[in-house]
């Protein structure tokens, strides 16, 4: 079933605006100025209607910075009324007690706050001067007002040494730590050389994960060398099979990291979401993707070649294997 794609995605990533008050060095969307053609509040409500009609379980809203939209709270309330579980990724800089108190009343809402270092010098070198202080103020607001939230860090070569401190920091506020993989899309294309983790750091992080069950990662990539983590239900890339992405203007793509013209499925203004999910040739290609060089690997059923976006941004070919495959890295280390 998963190979051919579900009848509806389990979750949908929705970048609700490209406008952002920060300029993070690794931003996958190259966020900053808003698009002229961003969906209106009315159109956003129609998106929510389509997702709930299809019984999509969860929508993950990001940007840009979602809270920078004047109408975002109205959209959130509507999503809540429709019974759609909603996770909002925020940079935290616009959060205060009043807003956090309001968010705490939305019981189907979960917040994810971005923090890329346990100290100001490391975080601010990526997210901008003064952001560490503002992010920590947001974390304190959420904890004080009883908002359900996690802290998300993108793994970089500069914050790798601070993983344990980040885990403890999150725990001190009753939050989970979620660690995402660095991908060279958006501004990440230009910062890969400086921020992309070194190969030994990727393998070391995978080992570190084995001893920290409460640390989450959305990447089965990090669990290829761990039978323990694999048994916890982590699976292969879900792009076009279990998830997809809606851009601020309503364009639909297989995932947030493949927002490139060759992977444009259509626009939600012009086509019904269900029609795109059921009939898109782009989705069909991802659902039937075969990475021939990985077919004989013992871990193939776990990752099926890894992250197509990593392959595309490295080789411009989604049929190539993940360039940072941990199995290959381990074999290379054994040989050397």
Protein backbone atom coordinates (compact mmCIF):
# COMPACT_ATOMS: atom_id res chain seq x y z
CA UNK A 1 0.00 0.00 0.00
CA UNK A 2 2.73 2.47 0.97
CA UNK A 3 4.69 1.66 -2.17
CA UNK A 4 1.82 2.75 -4.41
CA UNK A 5 0.73 5.57 -2.14
CA UNK A 6 -2.11 5.80 0.37
CA UNK A 7 -5.61 6.96 -0.56
CA UNK A 8 -4.73 10.22 1.18
CA UNK A 9 -1.53 11.53 2.75
CA UNK A 10 -1.10 10.94 6.47
CA UNK A 11 0.28 14.44 6.85
CA UNK A 12 0.84 17.43 4.62
CA UNK A 13 3.56 20.06 4.91
CA UNK A 14 2.13 23.51 4.20
CA UNK A 15 4.37 26.54 3.83
CA UNK A 16 1.74 29.15 4.49
CA UNK A 17 3.92 32.17 3.72
CA UNK A 18 7.40 32.88 2.42
CA UNK A 19 7.60 36.06 4.49
CA UNK A 20 10.04 35.85 7.39
CA UNK A 21 11.71 38.25 9.81
CA UNK A 22 14.90 36.15 9.90
CA UNK A 23 17.43 35.06 7.29
CA UNK A 24 18.65 31.69 8.58
CA UNK A 25 21.68 30.42 6.70
CA UNK A 26 20.21 26.95 6.06
CA UNK A 27 16.60 27.95 5.27
CA UNK A 28 15.15 25.34 2.90
CA UNK A 29 12.73 27.87 1.42
CA UNK A 30 15.05 30.86 1.04
CA UNK A 31 12.38 32.74 3.02
CA UNK A 32 12.31 36.51 3.43
CA UNK A 33 9.96 38.48 1.22
CA UNK A 34 6.43 37.15 0.69
CA UNK A 35 5.29 35.91 -2.69
CA UNK A 36 2.86 38.21 -4.49
CA UNK A 37 0.56 35.27 -5.18
CA UNK A 38 0.25 33.79 -1.68
CA UNK A 39 -3.04 32.13 -0.78
CA UNK A 40 -5.63 34.37 0.87
CA UNK A 41 -7.31 33.46 4.16
CA UNK A 42 -10.40 32.29 2.26
CA UNK A 43 -8.26 30.10 0.00
CA UNK A 44 -6.42 28.74 3.04
CA UNK A 45 -9.73 27.70 4.59
CA UNK A 46 -10.57 25.88 1.37
CA UNK A 47 -7.27 24.02 1.63
CA UNK A 48 -8.22 22.96 5.17
CA UNK A 49 -11.61 21.81 3.86
CA UNK A 50 -10.00 19.65 1.19
CA UNK A 51 -7.54 18.10 3.63
CA UNK A 52 -10.22 17.27 6.19
CA UNK A 53 -12.57 15.90 3.52
CA UNK A 54 -9.78 13.49 2.54
CA UNK A 55 -9.27 12.66 6.22
CA UNK A 56 -5.65 13.81 6.27
CA UNK A 57 -4.55 13.24 9.85
CA UNK A 58 -2.14 16.14 10.35
CA UNK A 59 -0.92 19.30 8.67
CA UNK A 60 2.54 20.67 9.44
CA UNK A 61 2.50 24.41 8.89
CA UNK A 62 5.71 26.33 8.35
CA UNK A 63 7.11 29.07 6.17
CA UNK A 64 8.60 31.60 6.29
CA UNK A 65 7.30 32.48 9.71
CA UNK A 66 3.58 31.57 10.00
CA UNK A 67 2.83 34.01 12.83
CA UNK A 68 3.91 36.92 10.65
CA UNK A 69 0.58 36.59 8.77
CA UNK A 70 -2.09 38.84 10.28
CA UNK A 71 -4.76 36.23 9.54
CA UNK A 72 -2.85 33.20 10.78
CA UNK A 73 -4.69 32.83 14.09
CA UNK A 74 -8.01 32.82 12.24
CA UNK A 75 -6.69 30.07 9.94
CA UNK A 76 -5.46 28.10 12.98
CA UNK A 77 -8.82 28.40 14.69
CA UNK A 78 -10.57 27.18 11.55
CA UNK A 79 -8.24 24.20 11.29
CA UNK A 80 -8.97 23.40 14.93
CA UNK A 81 -12.73 23.63 14.38
CA UNK A 82 -12.44 21.19 11.48
CA UNK A 83 -10.64 18.66 13.67
CA UNK A 84 -7.32 18.76 11.83
CA UNK A 85 -4.30 18.02 14.00
CA UNK A 86 -1.91 20.90 13.37
CA UNK A 87 1.80 21.29 14.05
CA UNK A 88 3.24 24.78 13.55
CA UNK A 89 6.95 25.37 13.07
CA UNK A 90 7.99 28.80 14.32
CA UNK A 91 11.21 30.71 14.83
CA UNK A 92 9.76 31.90 18.15
CA UNK A 93 10.62 35.57 17.76
CA UNK A 94 6.99 36.77 17.67
CA UNK A 95 5.77 34.76 20.66
CA UNK A 96 4.66 36.44 23.88
CA UNK A 97 2.55 35.32 26.86
CA UNK A 98 -0.69 36.60 25.39
CA UNK A 99 -0.24 34.66 22.16
CA UNK A 100 1.01 31.55 23.99
CA UNK A 101 -2.04 31.65 26.28
CA UNK A 102 -4.33 31.76 23.25
CA UNK A 103 -2.48 28.88 21.58
CA UNK A 104 -2.76 26.76 24.72
CA UNK A 105 -6.55 26.68 24.24
CA UNK A 106 -6.24 24.91 20.88
CA UNK A 107 -5.98 21.32 22.04
CA UNK A 108 -5.23 19.85 18.61
CA UNK A 109 -2.27 22.19 18.15
CA UNK A 110 1.40 21.38 18.64
CA UNK A 111 4.26 23.87 18.30
CA UNK A 112 7.79 23.24 17.10
CA UNK A 113 10.36 25.91 17.95
CA UNK A 114 13.57 26.14 15.94
CA UNK A 115 16.80 26.38 17.92
CA UNK A 116 20.15 25.58 16.33
CA UNK A 117 22.48 25.68 19.30
CA UNK A 118 22.49 25.41 23.08
CA UNK A 119 24.43 28.68 23.27
CA UNK A 120 23.89 32.07 21.70
CA UNK A 121 27.12 32.06 19.72
CA UNK A 122 26.34 28.83 17.87
CA UNK A 123 22.63 29.47 17.34
CA UNK A 124 23.03 33.12 16.36
CA UNK A 125 25.73 32.31 13.81
CA UNK A 126 23.03 30.40 11.90
CA UNK A 127 19.78 32.19 12.75
CA UNK A 128 20.96 35.75 13.34
CA UNK A 129 22.23 37.97 16.14
CA UNK A 130 19.98 38.10 19.19
CA UNK A 131 17.77 35.20 18.11
CA UNK A 132 18.88 32.84 20.88
CA UNK A 133 17.51 35.19 23.54
CA UNK A 134 14.20 35.63 21.70
CA UNK A 135 13.82 31.90 21.08
CA UNK A 136 14.44 31.10 24.74
CA UNK A 137 11.85 33.71 25.73
CA UNK A 138 9.36 31.91 23.47
CA UNK A 139 10.28 28.56 25.04
CA UNK A 140 9.66 30.02 28.49
CA UNK A 141 6.30 31.45 27.35
CA UNK A 142 5.19 28.08 25.99
CA UNK A 143 6.25 26.25 29.14
CA UNK A 144 4.60 28.85 31.38
CA UNK A 145 1.30 28.80 29.48
CA UNK A 146 1.09 25.03 29.06
CA UNK A 147 1.56 24.94 25.29
CA UNK A 148 2.59 21.55 23.88
CA UNK A 149 5.84 22.03 22.02
CA UNK A 150 9.13 20.51 20.94
CA UNK A 151 12.49 22.04 20.11
CA UNK A 152 13.84 21.37 16.63
CA UNK A 153 17.49 21.64 15.66
CA UNK A 154 18.91 21.11 12.19
CA UNK A 155 22.06 19.04 12.60
CA UNK A 156 25.08 21.05 11.47
CA UNK A 157 28.82 20.67 11.87
CA UNK A 158 28.78 23.61 14.31
CA UNK A 159 26.02 22.42 16.66
CA UNK A 160 26.95 18.72 16.61
CA UNK A 161 29.10 19.12 19.77
CA UNK A 162 26.07 20.57 21.59
CA UNK A 163 23.58 17.73 21.03
CA UNK A 164 23.63 16.59 24.64
CA UNK A 165 23.21 20.14 25.91
CA UNK A 166 20.29 20.67 23.51
CA UNK A 167 18.66 17.47 24.77
CA UNK A 168 19.00 18.60 28.38
CA UNK A 169 17.76 22.10 27.54
CA UNK A 170 14.60 20.71 25.94
CA UNK A 171 14.04 18.36 28.87
CA UNK A 172 14.33 21.22 31.36
CA UNK A 173 11.24 22.78 29.75
CA UNK A 174 9.30 19.53 29.42
CA UNK A 175 9.84 19.41 25.67
CA UNK A 176 11.14 16.79 23.27
CA UNK A 177 14.18 17.45 21.13
CA UNK A 178 13.75 16.78 17.43
CA UNK A 179 16.85 16.76 15.22
CA UNK A 180 16.40 17.28 11.49
CA UNK A 181 18.84 16.51 8.73
CA UNK A 182 20.62 19.35 6.94
CA UNK A 183 19.56 19.45 3.29
CA UNK A 184 21.15 21.64 0.61
CA UNK A 185 17.95 23.28 -0.63
CA UNK A 186 17.08 26.97 -0.49
CA UNK A 187 19.86 28.87 1.27
CA UNK A 188 21.23 25.52 2.33
CA UNK A 189 22.73 25.20 -1.15
CA UNK A 190 25.16 28.00 -0.37
CA UNK A 191 25.84 27.07 3.26
CA UNK A 192 26.41 23.34 2.77
CA UNK A 193 30.19 23.71 2.78
CA UNK A 194 30.19 25.57 6.10
CA UNK A 195 27.23 23.97 7.88
CA UNK A 196 26.73 20.53 6.36
CA UNK A 197 27.76 17.87 8.91
CA UNK A 198 30.95 15.97 8.25
CA UNK A 199 30.53 12.27 7.49
CA UNK A 200 31.94 11.15 10.82
CA UNK A 201 29.46 13.42 12.59
CA UNK A 202 26.52 11.80 10.76
CA UNK A 203 27.62 8.34 11.81
CA UNK A 204 28.37 9.45 15.35
CA UNK A 205 24.95 11.10 15.62
CA UNK A 206 23.26 7.87 14.51
CA UNK A 207 25.07 6.03 17.32
CA UNK A 208 24.13 8.76 19.81
CA UNK A 209 20.47 8.37 18.86
CA UNK A 210 20.52 4.71 19.91
CA UNK A 211 20.94 5.74 23.54
CA UNK A 212 18.34 8.51 23.48
CA UNK A 213 14.90 7.12 22.70
CA UNK A 214 13.16 10.40 23.53
CA UNK A 215 15.08 12.31 20.86
CA UNK A 216 13.10 12.30 17.63
CA UNK A 217 14.14 12.54 14.01
CA UNK A 218 11.99 12.45 10.90
CA UNK A 219 14.69 10.64 8.94
CA UNK A 220 14.85 6.85 8.73
CA UNK A 221 18.29 7.64 7.25
CA UNK A 222 19.68 7.97 10.78
CA UNK A 223 18.35 4.54 11.78
CA UNK A 224 19.84 2.40 9.03
CA UNK A 225 22.60 1.10 11.29
CA UNK A 226 20.36 0.55 14.33
CA UNK A 227 17.99 -2.40 14.67
CA UNK A 228 16.65 -0.82 17.86
CA UNK A 229 15.56 2.44 16.20
CA UNK A 230 14.15 0.58 13.18
CA UNK A 231 11.75 -1.35 15.40
CA UNK A 232 10.21 1.90 16.59
CA UNK A 233 8.21 2.32 13.39
CA UNK A 234 10.56 4.59 11.50
CA UNK A 235 10.27 4.00 7.78
CA UNK A 236 11.43 5.11 4.37
CA UNK A 237 10.94 8.49 2.69
CA UNK A 238 7.21 9.23 2.57
CA UNK A 239 7.28 11.81 -0.24
CA UNK A 240 4.29 11.21 -2.56
CA UNK A 241 3.42 8.06 -0.59
CA UNK A 242 2.39 9.37 2.80
CA UNK A 243 3.07 13.08 2.56
CA UNK A 244 3.48 16.03 0.20
CA UNK A 245 3.98 19.80 0.33
CA UNK A 246 1.84 22.84 -0.45
CA UNK A 247 3.72 26.08 -1.16
CA UNK A 248 2.57 29.59 -0.11
CA UNK A 249 1.09 30.14 -3.58
CA UNK A 250 -0.74 26.80 -3.60
CA UNK A 251 1.74 24.83 -5.71
CA UNK A 252 1.92 21.16 -4.74
CA UNK A 253 5.19 19.20 -4.60
CA UNK A 254 6.22 15.74 -3.33
CA UNK A 255 8.03 17.27 -0.36
CA UNK A 256 9.33 20.57 0.99
CA UNK A 257 12.85 19.80 -0.20
CA UNK A 258 11.81 19.12 -3.80
CA UNK A 259 10.19 22.45 -4.59
CA UNK A 260 11.75 22.56 -8.04
CA UNK A 261 10.00 22.92 -11.40
CA UNK A 262 10.51 19.26 -12.48
CA UNK A 263 8.52 18.19 -9.41
CA UNK A 264 5.60 20.62 -9.65
CA UNK A 265 2.37 18.61 -9.46
CA UNK A 266 -0.11 21.44 -9.94
CA UNK A 267 -1.77 24.30 -8.07
CA UNK A 268 -4.51 23.86 -5.53
CA UNK A 269 -6.31 26.90 -6.94
CA UNK A 270 -6.78 25.12 -10.26
CA UNK A 271 -6.98 21.42 -9.35
CA UNK A 272 -8.62 19.46 -6.57
CA UNK A 273 -6.08 18.13 -4.11
CA UNK A 274 -7.53 14.62 -4.37
CA UNK A 275 -7.12 14.62 -8.16
CA UNK A 276 -3.47 15.60 -7.82
CA UNK A 277 -2.84 12.96 -5.16
CA UNK A 278 -4.52 10.21 -7.19
CA UNK A 279 -3.40 11.06 -10.72
CA UNK A 280 -0.14 13.04 -10.73
CA UNK A 281 2.64 11.57 -12.91
CA UNK A 282 5.14 13.29 -10.59
CA UNK A 283 3.76 11.43 -7.57
CA UNK A 284 3.67 8.20 -9.57
CA UNK A 285 7.37 8.53 -10.38
CA UNK A 286 8.29 8.95 -6.71
CA UNK A 287 6.02 6.08 -5.66
CA UNK A 288 7.72 3.73 -8.08
CA UNK A 289 11.25 5.04 -7.64
CA UNK A 290 13.96 2.39 -7.91
CA UNK A 291 17.54 3.16 -7.01
CA UNK A 292 19.28 0.30 -8.80
CA UNK A 293 22.61 0.66 -7.02
CA UNK A 294 20.87 0.05 -3.67
CA UNK A 295 18.73 -2.96 -4.63
CA UNK A 296 21.13 -5.54 -3.17
CA UNK A 297 21.64 -3.68 0.12
CA UNK A 298 20.36 -5.45 3.25
CA UNK A 299 18.76 -2.17 4.38
CA UNK A 300 16.96 -1.46 1.10
CA UNK A 301 13.49 -2.16 2.52
CA UNK A 302 14.12 0.46 5.21
CA UNK A 303 15.16 3.41 3.05
CA UNK A 304 14.77 2.43 -0.64
CA UNK A 305 17.73 4.57 -1.58
CA UNK A 306 17.39 7.25 1.08
CA UNK A 307 16.34 10.84 0.46
CA UNK A 308 15.52 11.64 -3.19
CA UNK A 309 15.94 15.34 -2.43
CA UNK A 310 19.52 14.79 -1.27
CA UNK A 311 20.22 12.85 -4.46
CA UNK A 312 18.62 15.54 -6.60
CA UNK A 313 20.45 18.45 -4.97
CA UNK A 314 23.75 16.57 -5.20
CA UNK A 315 23.51 14.78 -8.56
CA UNK A 316 20.39 16.37 -10.14
CA UNK A 317 18.98 12.86 -10.37
CA UNK A 318 16.49 11.28 -7.94
CA UNK A 319 17.44 7.83 -9.22
CA UNK A 320 20.85 8.10 -7.57
CA UNK A 321 21.45 6.84 -4.01
CA UNK A 322 21.54 9.14 -1.02
CA UNK A 323 25.05 10.68 -1.05
CA UNK A 324 25.33 10.46 2.73
CA UNK A 325 24.20 6.85 3.15
CA UNK A 326 25.27 5.64 6.60
CA UNK A 327 25.68 2.06 5.44
CA UNK A 328 28.17 3.17 2.80
CA UNK A 329 29.95 5.39 5.30
CA UNK A 330 30.32 2.51 7.73
CA UNK A 331 31.64 0.18 5.02
CA UNK A 332 34.13 2.81 3.89
CA UNK A 333 35.35 3.23 7.48
CA UNK A 334 35.80 -0.54 7.83
CA UNK A 335 37.78 -0.69 4.58
CA UNK A 336 39.97 2.20 5.68
